[in-house]
Amino acid sequence: MRNLLRGIALAAASLVLLTACTGLPTSGDVNVGLELGESPDDADFLPLASGPAPGAGPREIVEGFMEAAITPAENWEIARRFLTPDMQRSWRPSTGVAVDASATDRAVSSSVLDEDVDDADAADVQVQLDQVASVDSSGEYSSAAGPANLAFALERTDAGEWRISQAPDGIVIDEERFSTVFEGYPLQYFDRTWSRLVPDVRWFPRRTSIATTVVQALISGSPSSWLEPAVQTAFPADVQLAQDAVPINANQVAEVALTRPAAALETQTLARMRTQLQETLRASGVHVSQVRFTVDGRTLDAGVVNVVVPPQESGPLVLTDGAFGTIVGDEVSPIDGLSDEILSISEPIAAIDVAADDGMAAVQLVDGRAYLVGDGRLDEPDVRGGLIAPSLDPYDYTWTVPTASPTEVLVWGSDRMSHPVANAWPDASAVLQMRVSADGSRIAAVIEVGSQRWVVVAAVVRDESGVPTELGPMKQQTRVDGDVQGLVWVGDYRLAVLADSPSPDLLTQVVGGTATVESAPTGATALSGARTVSGVRVLSTDGALLAHAGSAWREVATGVRVLATRAGQ
């Protein structure tokens, strides 16, 4: 019998996901929620499934078994009650997850008719799903749309009750309840220069303590396949957890016992390991003051390494009549050495992307031409027609591409020399938006494939001098409808997309995870990113700048001609 993961892989390979998005509330008080991966002090309350009902038939037993996926406690102990003793021992729920569109839409059929149940001792049950996504054994979330068939065998016990004797490994859960039972945790990997940390979101069942799960995933696992070309881990392959637990003491110190090869590691390697693990735990919402490595009970002398962190958020950048800079209260605070140069451009400006250090900007005019501004220079590095808005990365490379030639991506250094980027969006017929992340290891885009528009991401591969040379395999995220007005990064692992379909919508996409959608203000025409969703800003056609606050939008400024972006956002 085909197991569940094989069905997931086949569906993922042959079809693409149209992610269903749910709306946010539009009334009531605004409440500030938790970031993805952040855990409250109190334990989460998970839905509780029921065990098998006495006298239930084969179909009801299978339906109850699948419903029990909502309760992962004690390694899905409730789901195991639906299995025979032998199957309880061999069933492996952690093999993977199939996410289907709706639990109520599953088609369940039995080889034994209801009127014949009392006379039968064995039955076969088939379940057809409308699958929308999958999660593999490492917690990596992938799109996988289309039908999937699951087969179950049941037998009657000596007590006269039906139990499942053969079942696919893994669990099935509907899309609506997936984020109730599972949560995304951003494992941290180093970029290829060992100078920045890059998040890789994995999905695990919610539980009171997630520390052991994320530590095991980081130490014993590897980066997601799409991200791997751009990142690396400090943990050698022969170093593993020596104990199947990561206790956290009263001083919030995580005690991590490692196998003996760790005792022979160099000081720098140990420092990188500790930094990588501490930041993974903190990003996952685990309250730790530090990580302490031990081997055979002896503490290892492990320091930490400095990593580059994104600059503090200074507020939205805007161009008004006679001013360019950061909005501070009711005033526009200029950027020394840059604002005057942008204001000296006499032709209408459509987009501005400012470097993280405010040293330069990439400017696109309304007629489509793109310029680099800074150091008293105004250069037009790319004279090709039909360019999309350029994007700066943290290494001050400017990314440009014509919308109708998605594979012809170029990057421009501060010396204004161009470098082609190989393997850029090979399946696309057009590219509409493109933004590089703050760590410079990932790039997001909105592309057209036939008549469909998709949000996609890829790893950025650089040479030893930091020049981008190619993109890794494209990971498809979410389909979007209508005209796309903007794409920005929100924090370290989320994207925001402004689309008009036909009314303005703001889609927030976890890179390597789920998406949500809400209504954007009427007339929304541009978008700027931020470190948090609440920091996202939208520009309307009448020049009003609106702040995103929970389910509401409020006007914070007027008379804005261009809502600028900052590199990495």
Protein backbone atom coordinates (compact mmCIF):
# COMPACT_ATOMS: atom_id res chain seq x y z
CA MET A 1 0.00 0.00 0.00
CA ARG A 2 1.30 3.39 -0.92
CA ASN A 3 2.14 5.29 2.19
CA LEU A 4 1.00 8.84 2.78
CA LEU A 5 4.28 10.56 2.02
CA ARG A 6 4.62 8.93 -1.39
CA GLY A 7 1.19 10.30 -2.26
CA ILE A 8 2.20 13.71 -0.99
CA ALA A 9 5.38 13.73 -3.07
CA LEU A 10 3.54 12.72 -6.25
CA ALA A 11 0.91 15.37 -5.76
CA ALA A 12 3.52 18.03 -5.04
CA ALA A 13 5.56 17.12 -8.09
CA SER A 14 2.67 17.21 -10.53
CA LEU A 15 0.51 20.06 -9.32
CA VAL A 16 0.74 23.50 -7.73
CA LEU A 17 -0.96 24.98 -4.72
CA LEU A 18 -3.61 27.64 -4.80
CA THR A 19 -3.43 28.66 -1.17
CA ALA A 20 -6.78 29.42 0.37
CA CYS A 21 -6.68 32.59 2.43
CA THR A 22 -8.96 33.53 5.26
CA GLY A 23 -10.06 37.05 6.05
CA LEU A 24 -9.20 38.93 9.22
CA PRO A 25 -11.91 40.40 11.47
CA THR A 26 -13.16 43.82 10.46
CA SER A 27 -14.75 44.88 13.75
CA GLY A 28 -13.97 44.90 17.46
CA ASP A 29 -11.03 46.16 19.48
CA VAL A 30 -7.52 46.01 18.07
CA ASN A 31 -5.32 43.51 19.94
CA VAL A 32 -1.59 43.12 19.36
CA GLY A 33 -0.86 39.45 18.70
CA LEU A 34 2.25 37.29 18.87
CA GLU A 35 4.82 37.06 16.14
CA LEU A 36 5.12 33.77 14.26
CA GLY A 37 7.10 31.40 16.47
CA GLU A 38 6.51 33.43 19.64
CA SER A 39 4.97 31.45 22.50
CA PRO A 40 2.84 32.86 25.31
CA ASP A 41 3.82 32.19 28.91
CA ASP A 42 0.81 29.90 29.35
CA ALA A 43 0.57 26.62 27.45
CA ASP A 44 -1.47 26.62 24.27
CA PHE A 45 -4.91 25.07 24.44
CA LEU A 46 -5.15 22.52 21.65
CA PRO A 47 -8.40 21.00 20.37
CA LEU A 48 -9.19 17.65 21.93
CA ALA A 49 -10.37 14.80 19.72
CA SER A 50 -12.60 11.94 20.86
CA GLY A 51 -11.60 8.29 20.94
CA PRO A 52 -13.49 5.54 19.09
CA ALA A 53 -17.18 5.27 19.93
CA PRO A 54 -18.49 1.81 20.92
CA GLY A 55 -20.11 0.04 17.99
CA ALA A 56 -18.70 2.42 15.35
CA GLY A 57 -18.46 0.99 11.83
CA PRO A 58 -15.40 0.96 9.54
CA ARG A 59 -16.13 4.35 7.98
CA GLU A 60 -16.71 6.00 11.35
CA ILE A 61 -13.49 4.51 12.73
CA VAL A 62 -11.43 5.87 9.83
CA GLU A 63 -13.11 9.28 10.03
CA GLY A 64 -12.48 9.39 13.78
CA PHE A 65 -8.85 8.37 13.29
CA MET A 66 -8.27 11.20 10.80
CA GLU A 67 -10.10 13.67 13.04
CA ALA A 68 -7.79 12.72 15.92
CA ALA A 69 -4.92 14.43 14.06
CA ILE A 70 -5.99 17.65 15.80
CA THR A 71 -4.66 16.29 19.12
CA PRO A 72 -0.90 15.57 18.89
CA ALA A 73 -0.44 15.09 22.64
CA GLU A 74 1.53 12.00 23.73
CA ASN A 75 2.56 11.23 20.15
CA TRP A 76 -1.05 11.22 18.93
CA GLU A 77 -2.20 8.85 21.67
CA ILE A 78 -5.90 9.42 20.91
CA ALA A 79 -5.40 8.56 17.22
CA ARG A 80 -3.67 5.31 18.22
CA ARG A 81 -6.81 4.16 20.01
CA PHE A 82 -8.39 3.62 16.58
CA LEU A 83 -5.62 1.14 15.61
CA THR A 84 -5.04 -2.51 16.36
CA PRO A 85 -2.24 -3.22 18.89
CA ASP A 86 0.20 -4.19 16.12
CA MET A 87 -0.63 -1.07 14.11
CA GLN A 88 -0.26 1.12 17.19
CA ARG A 89 3.36 0.02 17.46
CA SER A 90 4.21 0.43 13.75
CA TRP A 91 2.29 3.59 12.81
CA ARG A 92 4.59 6.63 12.44
CA PRO A 93 2.64 9.89 12.61
CA SER A 94 5.78 12.07 12.45
CA THR A 95 6.57 10.90 8.91
CA GLY A 96 4.62 13.80 7.43
CA VAL A 97 1.41 15.79 7.17
CA ALA A 98 -1.08 16.02 4.33
CA VAL A 99 -3.06 19.27 4.50
CA ASP A 100 -6.42 19.06 2.74
CA ALA A 101 -8.93 21.75 1.86
CA SER A 102 -11.72 20.67 4.21
CA ALA A 103 -12.42 17.81 6.59
CA THR A 104 -16.10 17.87 5.61
CA ASP A 105 -15.31 17.40 1.91
CA ARG A 106 -13.37 14.13 2.29
CA ALA A 107 -14.92 11.31 0.24
CA VAL A 108 -14.97 8.14 2.36
CA SER A 109 -16.08 4.78 0.95
CA SER A 110 -16.11 1.31 2.52
CA SER A 111 -16.03 -2.16 0.96
CA VAL A 112 -18.63 -3.21 3.54
CA LEU A 113 -22.10 -1.74 3.27
CA ASP A 114 -23.76 -0.44 6.42
CA GLU A 115 -26.33 -3.21 6.39
CA ASP A 116 -23.59 -5.87 6.19
CA VAL A 117 -21.32 -4.51 8.94
CA ASP A 118 -22.61 -6.89 11.62
CA ASP A 119 -21.73 -9.96 9.52
CA ALA A 120 -18.26 -8.83 8.36
CA ASP A 121 -14.89 -9.39 10.02
CA ALA A 122 -12.72 -7.27 7.66
CA ALA A 123 -13.18 -4.13 5.58
CA ASP A 124 -11.30 -1.80 3.29
CA VAL A 125 -11.90 1.96 3.42
CA GLN A 126 -10.80 4.47 0.79
CA VAL A 127 -10.49 8.21 1.47
CA GLN A 128 -10.08 10.83 -1.24
CA LEU A 129 -8.65 14.21 -0.24
CA ASP A 130 -8.44 17.57 -1.95
CA GLN A 131 -4.84 18.19 -0.90
CA VAL A 132 -3.45 21.72 -0.73
CA ALA A 133 -0.09 21.32 1.03
CA SER A 134 2.25 18.93 2.79
CA VAL A 135 4.78 18.97 5.61
CA ASP A 136 7.64 16.47 5.50
CA SER A 137 9.37 14.76 8.43
CA SER A 138 11.77 17.70 8.84
CA GLY A 139 8.90 20.20 9.15
CA GLU A 140 9.31 21.74 5.68
CA TYR A 141 6.02 23.05 4.28
CA SER A 142 5.41 22.67 0.54
CA SER A 143 2.59 23.28 -1.90
CA ALA A 144 0.88 20.13 -3.18
CA ALA A 145 -2.53 20.65 -4.76
CA GLY A 146 -4.80 17.99 -6.17
CA PRO A 147 -6.51 14.74 -5.23
CA ALA A 148 -4.82 12.19 -2.98
CA ASN A 149 -6.15 8.72 -2.18
CA LEU A 150 -5.58 6.93 1.12
CA ALA A 151 -6.29 3.24 1.75
CA PHE A 152 -7.10 1.66 5.12
CA ALA A 153 -7.68 -1.96 6.16
CA LEU A 154 -9.81 -2.76 9.21
CA GLU A 155 -10.60 -5.84 11.20
CA ARG A 156 -13.00 -6.72 13.99
CA THR A 157 -11.40 -7.32 17.39
CA ASP A 158 -12.29 -10.09 19.83
CA ALA A 159 -14.43 -7.55 21.65
CA GLY A 160 -16.43 -6.97 18.47
CA GLU A 161 -15.10 -3.47 17.78
CA TRP A 162 -13.63 -2.33 14.45
CA ARG A 163 -10.00 -1.17 14.48
CA ILE A 164 -7.56 -0.14 11.73
CA SER A 165 -4.98 -2.82 10.93
CA GLN A 166 -3.28 -1.02 8.04
CA ALA A 167 -2.92 2.75 7.64
CA PRO A 168 -0.59 5.15 5.84
CA ASP A 169 2.13 6.74 7.95
CA GLY A 170 1.71 10.43 8.71
CA ILE A 171 -1.42 12.39 9.54
CA VAL A 172 -4.08 14.32 7.64
CA ILE A 173 -5.41 17.68 8.81
CA ASP A 174 -7.63 20.26 7.17
CA GLU A 175 -6.27 23.64 6.17
CA GLU A 176 -8.49 25.61 8.54
CA ARG A 177 -7.14 23.84 11.64
CA PHE A 178 -3.54 23.35 10.50
CA SER A 179 -2.33 26.59 12.11
CA THR A 180 -4.19 25.70 15.29
CA VAL A 181 -2.31 22.43 15.71
CA PHE A 182 1.00 23.34 14.01
CA GLU A 183 3.19 26.40 14.32
CA GLY A 184 6.10 27.71 12.28
CA TYR A 185 9.49 27.95 13.99
CA PRO A 186 12.33 29.83 12.22
CA LEU A 187 15.51 27.75 12.48
CA GLN A 188 18.58 29.92 11.99
CA TYR A 189 21.39 29.16 9.53
CA PHE A 190 24.48 31.17 8.66
CA ASP A 191 24.93 32.73 5.26
CA ARG A 192 28.02 31.73 3.25
CA THR A 193 30.12 34.47 4.86
CA TRP A 194 29.32 33.43 8.47
CA SER A 195 28.25 37.04 9.06
CA ARG A 196 24.43 36.90 8.92
CA LEU A 197 21.73 34.53 10.13
CA VAL A 198 19.01 33.40 7.73
CA PRO A 199 15.67 31.97 8.95
CA ASP A 200 14.28 28.67 7.64
CA VAL A 201 10.71 28.17 8.91
CA ARG A 202 9.71 24.63 9.96
CA TRP A 203 6.30 23.47 11.14
CA PHE A 204 5.93 21.32 14.25
CA PRO A 205 2.97 20.45 16.49
CA ARG A 206 2.31 23.05 19.15
CA ARG A 207 3.32 21.92 22.61
CA THR A 208 4.11 23.43 26.01
CA SER A 209 7.88 23.23 25.44
CA ILE A 210 9.26 23.38 21.93
CA ALA A 211 12.94 23.65 22.91
CA THR A 212 13.87 19.99 22.39
CA THR A 213 12.09 19.82 19.03
CA VAL A 214 13.81 22.85 17.49
CA VAL A 215 17.22 21.90 18.91
CA GLN A 216 16.95 18.41 17.42
CA ALA A 217 15.79 19.83 14.10
CA LEU A 218 18.71 22.26 13.92
CA ILE A 219 21.49 19.92 15.08
CA SER A 220 20.39 16.75 13.28
CA GLY A 221 18.79 18.29 10.20
CA SER A 222 19.80 20.38 7.24
CA PRO A 223 18.49 23.53 5.52
CA SER A 224 15.45 23.30 3.27
CA SER A 225 16.42 22.19 -0.22
CA TRP A 226 15.50 25.50 -1.87
CA LEU A 227 17.53 27.53 0.67
CA GLU A 228 20.56 25.27 0.99
CA PRO A 229 22.65 26.85 -1.83
CA ALA A 230 22.85 30.12 0.13
CA VAL A 231 23.32 28.98 3.75
CA GLN A 232 25.36 26.68 5.98
CA THR A 233 25.27 25.26 9.49
CA ALA A 234 27.99 25.43 12.13
CA PHE A 235 27.14 21.94 13.46
CA PRO A 236 29.39 19.16 12.08
CA ALA A 237 27.64 16.00 10.91
CA ASP A 238 29.20 13.86 13.66
CA VAL A 239 27.93 16.10 16.47
CA GLN A 240 24.48 15.13 17.74
CA LEU A 241 22.35 15.52 20.84
CA ALA A 242 23.52 13.09 23.50
CA GLN A 243 20.18 13.21 25.34
CA ASP A 244 16.64 13.34 24.02
CA ALA A 245 15.84 16.44 26.07
CA VAL A 246 16.93 20.07 26.39
CA PRO A 247 16.17 21.20 29.96
CA ILE A 248 16.04 24.92 30.75
CA ASN A 249 17.04 25.75 34.33
CA ALA A 250 15.74 28.47 36.64
CA ASN A 251 18.23 30.96 35.18
CA GLN A 252 16.83 30.35 31.68
CA VAL A 253 19.98 28.50 30.60
CA ALA A 254 19.34 25.78 28.02
CA GLU A 255 21.47 22.74 28.86
CA VAL A 256 22.44 21.03 25.57
CA ALA A 257 24.31 17.74 25.96
CA LEU A 258 26.32 16.87 22.84
CA THR A 259 28.09 13.72 21.71
CA ARG A 260 31.84 13.34 22.31
CA PRO A 261 33.11 14.66 18.91
CA ALA A 262 32.03 18.14 20.09
CA ALA A 263 34.83 18.14 22.69
CA ALA A 264 37.47 18.28 19.94
CA LEU A 265 35.99 21.23 18.02
CA GLU A 266 37.77 24.53 17.55
CA THR A 267 36.75 27.55 19.63
CA GLN A 268 35.34 29.42 16.64
CA THR A 269 33.17 26.47 15.58
CA LEU A 270 31.76 26.13 19.09
CA ALA A 271 31.02 29.87 19.19
CA ARG A 272 29.17 29.69 15.88
CA MET A 273 27.21 26.64 17.06
CA ARG A 274 26.18 28.40 20.25
CA THR A 275 25.19 31.59 18.43
CA GLN A 276 23.17 29.67 15.86
CA LEU A 277 21.34 27.65 18.52
CA GLN A 278 20.68 30.55 20.90
CA GLU A 279 19.18 32.63 18.12
CA THR A 280 17.07 29.69 16.92
CA LEU A 281 15.58 29.22 20.38
CA ARG A 282 14.89 32.92 20.82
CA ALA A 283 13.36 33.28 17.37
CA SER A 284 11.13 30.30 18.21
CA GLY A 285 9.76 32.02 21.29
CA VAL A 286 11.78 30.02 23.83
CA HIS A 287 12.87 32.25 26.70
CA VAL A 288 16.57 31.51 27.18
CA SER A 289 19.37 33.69 28.52
CA GLN A 290 22.02 31.47 26.94
CA VAL A 291 22.88 28.00 25.71
CA ARG A 292 25.39 25.83 27.60
CA PHE A 293 27.06 22.93 25.78
CA THR A 294 28.19 19.88 27.73
CA VAL A 295 29.96 16.62 26.84
CA ASP A 296 29.77 13.78 29.37
CA GLY A 297 28.67 16.32 31.98
CA ARG A 298 31.61 18.67 31.37
CA THR A 299 30.83 22.22 30.22
CA LEU A 300 32.44 23.27 26.93
CA ASP A 301 34.01 26.73 26.73
CA ALA A 302 31.84 28.15 23.93
CA GLY A 303 31.63 31.86 23.24
CA VAL A 304 29.44 33.65 20.70
CA VAL A 305 30.14 35.39 17.40
CA ASN A 306 28.92 38.76 16.23
CA VAL A 307 26.40 38.72 13.41
CA VAL A 308 25.07 41.56 11.29
CA VAL A 309 21.55 42.56 12.31
CA PRO A 310 19.18 44.79 10.31
CA PRO A 311 19.29 48.45 11.36
CA GLN A 312 16.63 49.81 13.67
CA GLU A 313 13.45 50.85 11.91
CA SER A 314 13.33 54.62 11.48
CA GLY A 315 9.89 55.03 9.94
CA PRO A 316 8.47 55.23 6.41
CA LEU A 317 10.36 57.03 3.66
CA VAL A 318 8.32 59.41 1.52
CA LEU A 319 8.69 61.92 -1.29
CA THR A 320 6.46 64.97 -1.04
CA ASP A 321 6.46 68.30 -2.85
CA GLY A 322 9.82 69.70 -1.80
CA ALA A 323 10.92 67.02 0.67
CA PHE A 324 12.29 63.49 0.77
CA GLY A 325 13.12 61.52 3.90
CA THR A 326 11.68 59.80 6.94
CA ILE A 327 8.37 60.86 8.41
CA VAL A 328 8.84 61.87 12.04
CA GLY A 329 5.57 63.07 13.48
CA ASP A 330 4.24 65.68 11.06
CA GLU A 331 7.64 66.44 9.55
CA VAL A 332 9.80 64.83 6.86
CA SER A 333 13.34 64.40 8.19
CA PRO A 334 15.83 64.57 5.27
CA ILE A 335 18.65 62.09 4.69
CA ASP A 336 22.00 63.84 4.62
CA GLY A 337 23.67 63.68 1.23
CA LEU A 338 20.77 61.84 -0.43
CA SER A 339 17.55 63.84 -0.10
CA ASP A 340 18.89 66.85 -2.02
CA GLU A 341 20.11 64.61 -4.84
CA ILE A 342 16.72 62.94 -5.20
CA LEU A 343 14.91 66.29 -5.07
CA SER A 344 17.18 67.56 -7.85
CA ILE A 345 15.62 65.04 -10.27
CA SER A 346 13.18 67.10 -12.31
CA GLU A 347 11.30 64.25 -14.01
CA PRO A 348 8.42 62.43 -12.25
CA ILE A 349 9.55 59.59 -9.97
CA ALA A 350 7.66 56.28 -9.66
CA ALA A 351 9.73 54.32 -7.11
CA ILE A 352 12.66 54.81 -4.71
CA ASP A 353 14.63 52.10 -2.89
CA VAL A 354 17.11 53.38 -0.29
CA ALA A 355 20.19 51.46 0.88
CA ALA A 356 20.22 50.19 4.47
CA ASP A 357 22.94 52.72 5.40
CA ASP A 358 21.22 55.61 3.53
CA GLY A 359 24.30 55.97 1.34
CA MET A 360 22.59 55.55 -2.03
CA ALA A 361 19.22 54.94 -3.67
CA ALA A 362 17.84 53.23 -6.75
CA VAL A 363 15.27 55.47 -8.40
CA GLN A 364 12.82 54.60 -11.16
CA LEU A 365 11.14 57.34 -13.16
CA VAL A 366 7.56 57.22 -14.36
CA ASP A 367 8.83 56.56 -17.89
CA GLY A 368 10.53 53.34 -16.65
CA ARG A 369 14.16 54.45 -16.65
CA ALA A 370 16.19 53.51 -13.54
CA TYR A 371 19.02 55.48 -11.93
CA LEU A 372 21.49 55.06 -9.08
CA VAL A 373 21.70 58.16 -6.90
CA GLY A 374 24.44 58.89 -4.35
CA ASP A 375 27.93 60.27 -3.82
CA GLY A 376 27.00 63.24 -5.97
CA ARG A 377 26.35 60.98 -8.98
CA LEU A 378 23.29 60.20 -11.06
CA ASP A 379 23.96 57.11 -13.18
CA GLU A 380 21.72 55.09 -15.47
CA PRO A 381 23.37 51.64 -15.28
CA ASP A 382 20.66 49.69 -17.11
CA VAL A 383 19.34 51.23 -20.32
CA ARG A 384 17.07 48.32 -21.23
CA GLY A 385 13.39 49.13 -21.67
CA GLY A 386 10.51 47.77 -19.64
CA LEU A 387 12.36 47.51 -16.31
CA ILE A 388 10.50 46.74 -13.10
CA ALA A 389 11.32 48.77 -9.98
CA PRO A 390 14.96 48.07 -8.99
CA SER A 391 15.88 46.48 -5.64
CA LEU A 392 18.99 47.10 -3.54
CA ASP A 393 20.54 44.35 -1.44
CA PRO A 394 22.58 44.73 1.80
CA TYR A 395 25.83 44.54 -0.17
CA ASP A 396 24.78 47.60 -2.23
CA TYR A 397 24.14 45.61 -5.38
CA THR A 398 21.22 46.89 -7.43
CA TRP A 399 18.99 44.27 -9.07
CA THR A 400 17.26 45.06 -12.36
CA VAL A 401 15.24 43.04 -14.87
CA PRO A 402 12.82 43.80 -17.73
CA THR A 403 9.33 42.58 -16.92
CA ALA A 404 9.05 40.64 -20.19
CA SER A 405 12.49 39.00 -19.84
CA PRO A 406 12.46 37.39 -16.37
CA THR A 407 15.60 35.32 -16.95
CA GLU A 408 17.71 38.39 -17.79
CA VAL A 409 18.38 39.61 -14.26
CA LEU A 410 21.43 41.87 -13.81
CA VAL A 411 23.10 43.15 -10.65
CA TRP A 412 25.08 46.37 -10.51
CA GLY A 413 27.84 47.07 -8.01
CA SER A 414 28.83 50.43 -6.60
CA ASP A 415 31.34 50.59 -9.47
CA ARG A 416 28.35 50.52 -11.88
CA MET A 417 29.62 47.26 -13.43
CA SER A 418 26.95 44.72 -14.37
CA HIS A 419 26.90 41.01 -13.56
CA PRO A 420 24.37 38.52 -14.99
CA VAL A 421 22.49 36.26 -12.56
CA ALA A 422 22.04 32.71 -13.86
CA ASN A 423 18.94 30.54 -13.35
CA ALA A 424 16.67 33.52 -12.69
CA TRP A 425 12.96 32.61 -12.85
CA PRO A 426 13.33 30.01 -15.63
CA ASP A 427 9.63 29.03 -15.64
CA ALA A 428 8.25 32.57 -15.76
CA SER A 429 6.85 34.39 -18.78
CA ALA A 430 7.05 37.74 -16.95
CA VAL A 431 8.27 39.18 -13.65
CA LEU A 432 6.24 41.95 -12.03
CA GLN A 433 7.98 42.60 -8.69
CA MET A 434 11.31 41.57 -7.16
CA ARG A 435 12.80 42.20 -3.70
CA VAL A 436 15.98 40.96 -1.98
CA SER A 437 15.82 40.11 1.74
CA ALA A 438 17.75 41.98 4.44
CA ASP A 439 20.23 39.11 4.79
CA GLY A 440 20.92 39.09 1.04
CA SER A 441 20.52 35.30 0.86
CA ARG A 442 16.94 35.22 -0.43
CA ILE A 443 15.00 36.96 -3.16
CA ALA A 444 11.24 37.11 -3.61
CA ALA A 445 9.31 37.89 -6.77
CA VAL A 446 5.86 37.97 -8.26
CA ILE A 447 6.01 36.17 -11.59
CA GLU A 448 3.60 35.19 -14.32
CA VAL A 449 3.40 31.56 -15.40
CA GLY A 450 0.97 31.40 -18.29
CA SER A 451 -2.09 33.32 -17.13
CA GLN A 452 -1.37 32.86 -13.41
CA ARG A 453 0.58 35.06 -11.02
CA TRP A 454 2.60 33.54 -8.20
CA VAL A 455 4.64 34.72 -5.24
CA VAL A 456 7.95 32.82 -5.36
CA VAL A 457 11.27 32.82 -3.51
CA ALA A 458 14.77 31.56 -4.29
CA ALA A 459 18.19 31.45 -2.67
CA VAL A 460 20.83 33.96 -3.79
CA VAL A 461 24.18 32.32 -4.56
CA ARG A 462 27.21 34.63 -4.38
CA ASP A 463 30.87 34.19 -5.23
CA GLU A 464 33.71 34.69 -2.75
CA SER A 465 33.67 38.46 -3.26
CA GLY A 466 29.91 38.69 -2.59
CA VAL A 467 28.77 39.17 -6.18
CA PRO A 468 25.43 37.39 -6.87
CA THR A 469 26.03 34.76 -9.54
CA GLU A 470 22.86 32.65 -9.69
CA LEU A 471 19.57 31.81 -8.03
CA GLY A 472 18.79 28.48 -6.42
CA PRO A 473 15.69 26.39 -7.21
CA MET A 474 12.49 28.43 -7.16
CA LYS A 475 10.07 27.69 -4.30
CA GLN A 476 6.47 28.49 -5.16
CA GLN A 477 4.46 30.14 -2.41
CA THR A 478 1.00 31.51 -3.23
CA ARG A 479 -1.08 32.43 -6.23
CA VAL A 480 -2.34 36.03 -6.40
CA ASP A 481 -5.10 37.51 -8.51
CA GLY A 482 -5.36 40.91 -10.15
CA ASP A 483 -2.79 43.63 -10.69
CA VAL A 484 0.09 43.52 -8.21
CA GLN A 485 0.90 46.95 -6.79
CA GLY A 486 3.72 46.03 -4.42
CA LEU A 487 5.89 43.31 -2.86
CA VAL A 488 7.89 43.88 0.34
CA TRP A 489 9.58 41.93 3.12
CA VAL A 490 7.98 42.08 6.56
CA GLY A 491 10.47 41.08 9.22
CA ASP A 492 12.82 38.20 8.50
CA TYR A 493 10.52 35.56 7.00
CA ARG A 494 7.31 37.09 5.78
CA LEU A 495 6.25 38.85 2.60
CA ALA A 496 3.44 41.32 1.99
CA VAL A 497 1.81 41.63 -1.42
CA LEU A 498 -0.58 44.41 -2.42
CA ALA A 499 -2.90 43.27 -5.20
CA ASP A 500 -6.05 44.65 -6.81
CA SER A 501 -8.37 41.68 -7.32
CA PRO A 502 -10.65 43.59 -8.06
CA SER A 503 -10.62 45.50 -4.76
CA PRO A 504 -7.27 46.04 -2.99
CA ASP A 505 -6.09 43.12 -0.84
CA LEU A 506 -3.02 42.76 1.35
CA LEU A 507 -1.65 39.21 1.39
CA THR A 508 0.85 38.26 4.09
CA GLN A 509 2.89 35.17 3.24
CA VAL A 510 5.17 33.22 5.57
CA VAL A 511 8.19 32.18 3.50
CA GLY A 512 7.93 28.41 3.71
CA GLY A 513 4.45 28.41 5.19
CA THR A 514 0.89 29.65 5.17
CA ALA A 515 -0.68 32.89 3.96
CA THR A 516 -3.48 35.20 5.10
CA VAL A 517 -5.29 37.96 3.27
CA GLU A 518 -7.18 41.05 4.37
CA SER A 519 -8.71 44.08 2.72
CA ALA A 520 -6.41 46.98 1.93
CA PRO A 521 -7.60 50.60 1.84
CA THR A 522 -9.59 51.72 -1.18
CA GLY A 523 -7.30 53.19 -3.80
CA ALA A 524 -4.15 51.59 -2.37
CA THR A 525 -1.39 51.91 -4.93
CA ALA A 526 1.96 51.31 -3.19
CA LEU A 527 3.38 49.42 -0.23
CA SER A 528 6.39 49.69 2.08
CA GLY A 529 7.79 46.95 4.31
CA ALA A 530 8.76 46.93 7.96
CA ARG A 531 10.10 44.74 10.76
CA THR A 532 6.53 43.87 11.82
CA VAL A 533 3.13 43.73 10.13
CA SER A 534 2.00 46.73 12.18
CA GLY A 535 4.78 48.75 10.56
CA VAL A 536 3.53 48.18 7.01
CA ARG A 537 2.43 51.37 5.21
CA VAL A 538 0.16 51.83 2.20
CA LEU A 539 -0.12 54.82 -0.14
CA SER A 540 -3.46 55.67 -1.71
CA THR A 541 -4.03 57.34 -5.05
CA ASP A 542 -4.98 60.62 -3.34
CA GLY A 543 -1.58 60.86 -1.59
CA ALA A 544 -2.70 59.63 1.83
CA LEU A 545 -0.27 57.47 3.77
CA LEU A 546 -2.01 54.83 5.87
CA ALA A 547 -0.65 52.74 8.73
CA HIS A 548 -1.55 49.11 9.20
CA ALA A 549 -2.89 48.58 12.73
CA GLY A 550 -4.54 45.24 13.40
CA SER A 551 -7.65 45.00 11.24
CA ALA A 552 -7.90 48.76 10.71
CA TRP A 553 -6.05 51.39 8.69
CA ARG A 554 -5.46 54.94 9.84
CA GLU A 555 -4.21 57.97 7.98
CA VAL A 556 -0.82 59.21 9.20
CA ALA A 557 0.16 61.70 6.48
CA THR A 558 -1.11 63.41 3.34
CA GLY A 559 0.47 64.91 0.27
CA VAL A 560 2.76 61.94 -0.36
CA ARG A 561 3.84 61.55 -3.98
CA VAL A 562 6.02 58.42 -3.62
CA LEU A 563 6.15 55.85 -0.82
CA ALA A 564 9.77 54.70 -0.87
CA THR A 565 11.17 51.38 0.32
CA ARG A 566 14.35 50.47 2.14
CA ALA A 567 16.74 47.69 1.11
CA GLY A 568 15.71 44.39 2.69
CA GLN A 569 12.11 45.51 3.21
